[in-house]
PDB file of N, CA and C in Angstrom:
ATOM      1  N   MET A   1     -25.744-160.658 295.905  1.00  0.00           N
ATOM      2  CA  MET A   1     -24.856-161.236 295.478  1.00  0.00           C
ATOM      3  C   MET A   1     -24.457-162.500 295.014  1.00  0.00           C
ATOM      4  N   PRO A   2     -23.234-162.165 293.466  1.00  0.00           N
ATOM      5  CA  PRO A   2     -23.003-163.363 292.975  1.00  0.00           C
ATOM      6  C   PRO A   2     -22.173-164.548 293.606  1.00  0.00           C
ATOM      7  N   LYS A   3     -22.283-165.577 292.855  1.00  0.00           N
ATOM      8  CA  LYS A   3     -21.242-166.807 293.460  1.00  0.00           C
ATOM      9  C   LYS A   3     -20.256-165.741 293.790  1.00  0.00           C
ATOM     10  N   LEU A   4     -19.142-166.683 293.651  1.00  0.00           N
ATOM     11  CA  LEU A   4     -17.826-166.440 293.270  1.00  0.00           C
ATOM     12  C   LEU A   4     -17.233-167.771 292.941  1.00  0.00           C
ATOM     13  N   LYS A   5     -16.907-167.461 291.841  1.00  0.00           N
ATOM     14  CA  LYS A   5     -16.614-168.825 290.965  1.00  0.00           C
ATOM     15  C   LYS A   5     -14.408-168.744 291.909  1.00  0.00           C
ATOM     16  N   THR A   6     -14.357-169.848 292.119  1.00  0.00           N
ATOM     17  CA  THR A   6     -12.883-170.573 292.339  1.00  0.00           C
ATOM     18  C   THR A   6     -11.603-170.185 290.982  1.00  0.00           C
ATOM     19  N   LYS A   7     -10.965-169.452 291.949  1.00  0.00           N
ATOM     20  CA  LYS A   7      -9.802-169.358 290.947  1.00  0.00           C
ATOM     21  C   LYS A   7      -9.139-170.842 290.456  1.00  0.00           C
ATOM     22  N   SER A   8      -8.858-171.321 288.984  1.00  0.00           N
ATOM     23  CA  SER A   8      -9.126-172.612 288.869  1.00  0.00           C
ATOM     24  C   SER A   8      -7.245-172.399 288.826  1.00  0.00           C
ATOM     25  N   GLY A   9      -6.583-171.752 289.110  1.00  0.00           N
ATOM     26  CA  GLY A   9      -5.108-172.104 289.024  1.00  0.00           C
ATOM     27  C   GLY A   9      -5.218-172.486 290.806  1.00  0.00           C
ATOM     28  N   ALA A  10      -5.730-172.295 291.055  1.00  0.00           N
ATOM     29  CA  ALA A  10      -5.110-172.421 293.683  1.00  0.00           C
ATOM     30  C   ALA A  10      -6.160-173.656 293.046  1.00  0.00           C
ATOM     31  N   LYS A  11      -7.441-173.922 292.178  1.00  0.00           N
ATOM     32  CA  LYS A  11      -8.063-175.300 292.660  1.00  0.00           C
ATOM     33  C   LYS A  11      -7.052-176.362 292.154  1.00  0.00           C
ATOM     34  N   LYS A  12      -6.448-176.050 291.477  1.00  0.00           N
ATOM     35  CA  LYS A  12      -5.499-177.628 290.825  1.00  0.00           C
ATOM     36  C   LYS A  12      -4.306-177.103 291.810  1.00  0.00           C
ATOM     37  N   ARG A  13      -3.819-176.488 292.839  1.00  0.00           N
ATOM     38  CA  ARG A  13      -2.224-176.592 293.567  1.00  0.00           C
ATOM     39  C   ARG A  13      -2.738-176.981 295.191  1.00  0.00           C
ATOM     40  N   PHE A  14      -3.653-176.434 295.654  1.00  0.00           N
ATOM     41  CA  PHE A  14      -4.502-177.221 296.766  1.00  0.00           C
ATOM     42  C   PHE A  14      -5.266-178.173 297.627  1.00  0.00           C
ATOM     43  N   ALA A  15      -4.927-178.124 297.965  1.00  0.00           N
ATOM     44  CA  ALA A  15      -5.778-179.417 299.208  1.00  0.00           C
ATOM     45  C   ALA A  15      -7.134-179.230 299.955  1.00  0.00           C
ATOM     46  N   LEU A  16      -7.764-179.094 300.204  1.00  0.00           N
ATOM     47  CA  LEU A  16      -7.715-178.816 301.761  1.00  0.00           C
ATOM     48  C   LEU A  16      -7.995-180.722 302.488  1.00  0.00           C
ATOM     49  N   THR A  17      -7.738-180.518 303.686  1.00  0.00           N
ATOM     50  CA  THR A  17      -7.306-181.613 304.083  1.00  0.00           C
ATOM     51  C   THR A  17      -8.884-181.782 306.010  1.00  0.00           C
ATOM     52  N   GLY A  18      -8.523-183.034 306.090  1.00  0.00           N
ATOM     53  CA  GLY A  18     -10.015-182.692 306.987  1.00  0.00           C
ATOM     54  C   GLY A  18      -9.791-182.350 308.191  1.00  0.00           C
ATOM     55  N   THR A  19      -9.311-181.995 308.603  1.00  0.00           N
ATOM     56  CA  THR A  19      -8.678-180.948 309.506  1.00  0.00           C
ATOM     57  C   THR A  19      -8.592-179.595 309.210  1.00  0.00           C
ATOM     58  N   GLY A  20      -8.613-179.654 307.677  1.00  0.00           N
ATOM     59  CA  GLY A  20      -8.768-177.802 307.884  1.00  0.00           C
ATOM     60  C   GLY A  20      -7.630-177.276 307.401  1.00  0.00           C
ATOM     61  N   LYS A  21      -6.541-177.850 307.438  1.00  0.00           N
ATOM     62  CA  LYS A  21      -5.110-177.590 306.935  1.00  0.00           C
ATOM     63  C   LYS A  21      -5.283-177.224 305.400  1.00  0.00           C
ATOM     64  N   ILE A  22      -3.602-176.504 304.460  1.00  0.00           N
ATOM     65  CA  ILE A  22      -4.763-176.497 303.670  1.00  0.00           C
ATOM     66  C   ILE A  22      -3.301-177.066 302.546  1.00  0.00           C
ATOM     67  N   LYS A  23      -3.393-178.201 301.753  1.00  0.00           N
ATOM     68  CA  LYS A  23      -2.367-178.871 300.657  1.00  0.00           C
ATOM     69  C   LYS A  23      -1.604-178.360 300.255  1.00  0.00           C
ATOM     70  N   ARG A  24      -0.547-178.142 300.297  1.00  0.00           N
ATOM     71  CA  ARG A  24       0.072-177.964 299.403  1.00  0.00           C
ATOM     72  C   ARG A  24       1.827-178.443 298.541  1.00  0.00           C
ATOM     73  N   LYS A  25       2.313-178.593 296.959  1.00  0.00           N
ATOM     74  CA  LYS A  25       3.416-179.054 296.867  1.00  0.00           C
ATOM     75  C   LYS A  25       4.423-177.926 296.946  1.00  0.00           C
ATOM     76  N   ASN A  26       5.786-178.513 296.901  1.00  0.00           N
ATOM     77  CA  ASN A  26       6.794-177.949 296.871  1.00  0.00           C
ATOM     78  C   ASN A  26       7.134-177.130 296.328  1.00  0.00           C
ATOM     79  N   ALA A  27       8.249-175.858 296.152  1.00  0.00           N
ATOM     80  CA  ALA A  27       8.602-175.647 294.504  1.00  0.00           C
ATOM     81  C   ALA A  27       9.658-176.250 294.231  1.00  0.00           C
ATOM     82  N   TYR A  28      10.445-175.681 293.533  1.00  0.00           N
ATOM     83  CA  TYR A  28      12.149-176.064 292.989  1.00  0.00           C
ATOM     84  C   TYR A  28      12.058-177.465 292.312  1.00  0.00           C
ATOM     85  N   LYS A  29      11.224-178.160 291.665  1.00  0.00           N
ATOM     86  CA  LYS A  29      10.878-179.587 291.642  1.00  0.00           C
ATOM     87  C   LYS A  29      10.770-180.193 290.519  1.00  0.00           C
ATOM     88  N   SER A  30      10.643-178.809 290.176  1.00  0.00           N
ATOM     89  CA  SER A  30      10.842-179.290 288.643  1.00  0.00           C
ATOM     90  C   SER A  30      11.480-179.293 286.758  1.00  0.00           C
ATOM     91  N   HIS A  31      12.180-179.108 287.445  1.00  0.00           N
ATOM     92  CA  HIS A  31      13.940-178.554 286.289  1.00  0.00           C
ATOM     93  C   HIS A  31      15.318-177.944 286.970  1.00  0.00           C
ATOM     94  N   ILE A  32      15.982-178.323 286.170  1.00  0.00           N
ATOM     95  CA  ILE A  32      17.965-177.563 286.696  1.00  0.00           C
ATOM     96  C   ILE A  32      17.201-178.707 288.050  1.00  0.00           C
ATOM     97  N   LEU A  33      17.504-179.878 288.182  1.00  0.00           N
ATOM     98  CA  LEU A  33      17.588-181.099 289.362  1.00  0.00           C
ATOM     99  C   LEU A  33      19.292-181.635 289.021  1.00  0.00           C
ATOM    100  N   THR A  34      19.579-181.225 288.422  1.00  0.00           N
ATOM    101  CA  THR A  34      20.638-182.351 287.947  1.00  0.00           C
ATOM    102  C   THR A  34      21.990-181.640 288.938  1.00  0.00           C
ATOM    103  N   LYS A  35      22.284-180.474 289.283  1.00  0.00           N
ATOM    104  CA  LYS A  35      22.553-179.777 290.508  1.00  0.00           C
ATOM    105  C   LYS A  35      21.992-179.637 291.821  1.00  0.00           C
ATOM    106  N   LYS A  36      20.900-180.405 292.259  1.00  0.00           N
ATOM    107  CA  LYS A  36      20.676-180.836 293.459  1.00  0.00           C
ATOM    108  C   LYS A  36      20.911-181.897 294.029  1.00  0.00           C
ATOM    109  N   THR A  37      20.762-182.145 295.166  1.00  0.00           N
ATOM    110  CA  THR A  37      21.440-183.868 295.851  1.00  0.00           C
ATOM    111  C   THR A  37      20.470-184.325 295.355  1.00  0.00           C
ATOM    112  N   THR A  38      20.876-185.479 296.215  1.00  0.00           N
ATOM    113  CA  THR A  38      19.683-186.524 295.906  1.00  0.00           C
ATOM    114  C   THR A  38      18.528-186.430 297.017  1.00  0.00           C
ATOM    115  N   LYS A  39      18.930-185.815 297.849  1.00  0.00           N
ATOM    116  CA  LYS A  39      18.589-185.671 299.536  1.00  0.00           C
ATOM    117  C   LYS A  39      17.667-184.056 299.440  1.00  0.00           C
ATOM    118  N   GLN A  40      17.634-183.503 298.594  1.00  0.00           N
ATOM    119  CA  GLN A  40      17.063-182.346 298.380  1.00  0.00           C
ATOM    120  C   GLN A  40      15.988-182.876 297.439  1.00  0.00           C
ATOM    121  N   LYS A  41      16.225-183.239 296.807  1.00  0.00           N
ATOM    122  CA  LYS A  41      14.956-183.548 295.190  1.00  0.00           C
ATOM    123  C   LYS A  41      14.250-184.501 296.427  1.00  0.00           C
ATOM    124  N   ARG A  42      14.487-185.679 297.291  1.00  0.00           N
ATOM    125  CA  ARG A  42      13.465-186.425 297.777  1.00  0.00           C
ATOM    126  C   ARG A  42      12.664-185.334 299.096  1.00  0.00           C
ATOM    127  N   ASN A  43      13.702-184.218 299.914  1.00  0.00           N
ATOM    128  CA  ASN A  43      12.732-183.567 300.743  1.00  0.00           C
ATOM    129  C   ASN A  43      11.735-182.694 300.283  1.00  0.00           C
ATOM    130  N   LEU A  44      11.641-182.783 298.716  1.00  0.00           N
ATOM    131  CA  LEU A  44      10.358-181.586 298.565  1.00  0.00           C
ATOM    132  C   LEU A  44       9.519-182.349 296.946  1.00  0.00           C
ATOM    133  N   THR A  45      10.266-183.426 297.336  1.00  0.00           N
ATOM    134  CA  THR A  45       8.651-184.944 296.780  1.00  0.00           C
ATOM    135  C   THR A  45       7.596-184.224 298.540  1.00  0.00           C
ATOM    136  N   GLN A  46       7.818-184.380 299.055  1.00  0.00           N
ATOM    137  CA  GLN A  46       6.626-184.254 300.001  1.00  0.00           C
ATOM    138  C   GLN A  46       5.956-182.960 300.163  1.00  0.00           C
ATOM    139  N   THR A  47       4.801-183.495 300.619  1.00  0.00           N
ATOM    140  CA  THR A  47       4.056-182.063 300.408  1.00  0.00           C
ATOM    141  C   THR A  47       3.939-181.991 301.770  1.00  0.00           C
ATOM    142  N   SER A  48       3.925-180.171 301.978  1.00  0.00           N
ATOM    143  CA  SER A  48       3.536-179.795 302.964  1.00  0.00           C
ATOM    144  C   SER A  48       2.217-178.969 303.541  1.00  0.00           C
ATOM    145  N   TYR A  49       2.827-177.531 304.250  1.00  0.00           N
ATOM    146  CA  TYR A  49       0.738-177.126 304.281  1.00  0.00           C
ATOM    147  C   TYR A  49       1.064-175.749 304.128  1.00  0.00           C
ATOM    148  N   VAL A  50       0.235-174.741 303.445  1.00  0.00           N
ATOM    149  CA  VAL A  50       0.727-173.744 303.699  1.00  0.00           C
ATOM    150  C   VAL A  50       0.610-173.074 305.315  1.00  0.00           C
ATOM    151  N   ALA A  51       1.203-171.730 305.517  1.00  0.00           N
ATOM    152  CA  ALA A  51       1.390-170.775 306.166  1.00  0.00           C
ATOM    153  C   ALA A  51       0.398-170.298 306.625  1.00  0.00           C
ATOM    154  N   SER A  52       0.637-170.267 307.849  1.00  0.00           N
ATOM    155  CA  SER A  52      -1.243-169.480 308.430  1.00  0.00           C
ATOM    156  C   SER A  52      -1.285-168.017 307.762  1.00  0.00           C
ATOM    157  N   VAL A  53      -0.558-167.127 307.901  1.00  0.00           N
ATOM    158  CA  VAL A  53      -0.358-166.409 307.760  1.00  0.00           C
ATOM    159  C   VAL A  53      -1.375-165.894 306.068  1.00  0.00           C
ATOM    160  N   ASP A  54      -0.832-167.241 304.951  1.00  0.00           N
ATOM    161  CA  ASP A  54      -1.341-167.111 303.522  1.00  0.00           C
ATOM    162  C   ASP A  54      -2.612-168.158 303.306  1.00  0.00           C
ATOM    163  N   GLU A  55      -2.681-168.127 305.090  1.00  0.00           N
ATOM    164  CA  GLU A  55      -4.278-169.312 304.610  1.00  0.00           C
ATOM    165  C   GLU A  55      -5.510-168.757 304.054  1.00  0.00           C
ATOM    166  N   LYS A  56      -5.943-167.443 304.580  1.00  0.00           N
ATOM    167  CA  LYS A  56      -6.739-166.352 304.630  1.00  0.00           C
ATOM    168  C   LYS A  56      -6.953-166.228 303.045  1.00  0.00           C
ATOM    169  N   SER A  57      -5.644-166.042 302.495  1.00  0.00           N
ATOM    170  CA  SER A  57      -5.581-164.896 301.464  1.00  0.00           C
ATOM    171  C   SER A  57      -5.504-166.806 299.631  1.00  0.00           C
ATOM    172  N   VAL A  58      -4.829-167.747 300.078  1.00  0.00           N
ATOM    173  CA  VAL A  58      -5.793-169.213 299.281  1.00  0.00           C
ATOM    174  C   VAL A  58      -7.439-169.955 299.694  1.00  0.00           C
ATOM    175  N   LEU A  59      -7.380-169.821 300.776  1.00  0.00           N
ATOM    176  CA  LEU A  59      -8.969-169.785 300.682  1.00  0.00           C
ATOM    177  C   LEU A  59     -10.239-169.010 299.980  1.00  0.00           C
ATOM    178  N   ARG A  60     -10.254-168.028 300.322  1.00  0.00           N
ATOM    179  CA  ARG A  60     -10.280-166.392 298.835  1.00  0.00           C
ATOM    180  C   ARG A  60     -10.089-166.842 297.567  1.00  0.00           C
ATOM    181  N   GLN A  61      -9.219-167.501 297.652  1.00  0.00           N
ATOM    182  CA  GLN A  61      -8.960-168.113 296.134  1.00  0.00           C
ATOM    183  C   GLN A  61      -9.936-169.589 295.909  1.00  0.00           C
ATOM    184  N   LEU A  62     -10.085-170.105 296.186  1.00  0.00           N
ATOM    185  CA  LEU A  62     -10.456-171.565 296.331  1.00  0.00           C
ATOM    186  C   LEU A  62     -12.137-170.765 296.499  1.00  0.00           C
ATOM    187  N   ALA A  63     -12.407-169.506 297.250  1.00  0.00           N
ATOM    188  CA  ALA A  63     -14.201-169.387 297.299  1.00  0.00           C
ATOM    189  C   ALA A  63     -14.881-170.358 298.495  1.00  0.00           C
ATOM    190  N   ILE A  64     -13.195-169.794 299.437  1.00  0.00           N
ATOM    191  CA  ILE A  64     -14.073-170.999 300.405  1.00  0.00           C
ATOM    192  C   ILE A  64     -14.281-169.759 302.065  1.00  0.00           C
ATOM    193  N   LYS A  65     -14.919-169.384 302.296  1.00  0.00           N
ATOM    194  CA  LYS A  65     -15.055-168.632 303.570  1.00  0.00           C
ATOM    195  C   LYS A  65     -14.935-167.490 303.039  1.00  0.00           C
TER     196      LYS A  65
END
């Protein structure tokens, strides 16, 4: 069986941590920012982790496991 190619969109959006979690950026931070509060925009800046139910799908897109 040939090697699987990594999905280039997933490659740009996700990163693996040393402990095996998958980091991601939060949505809703790209446009229409004037109506969002400063607190909301500040909290959306922080990175978060992919939910455990979605990890298998993301790892498959990254051609890992």
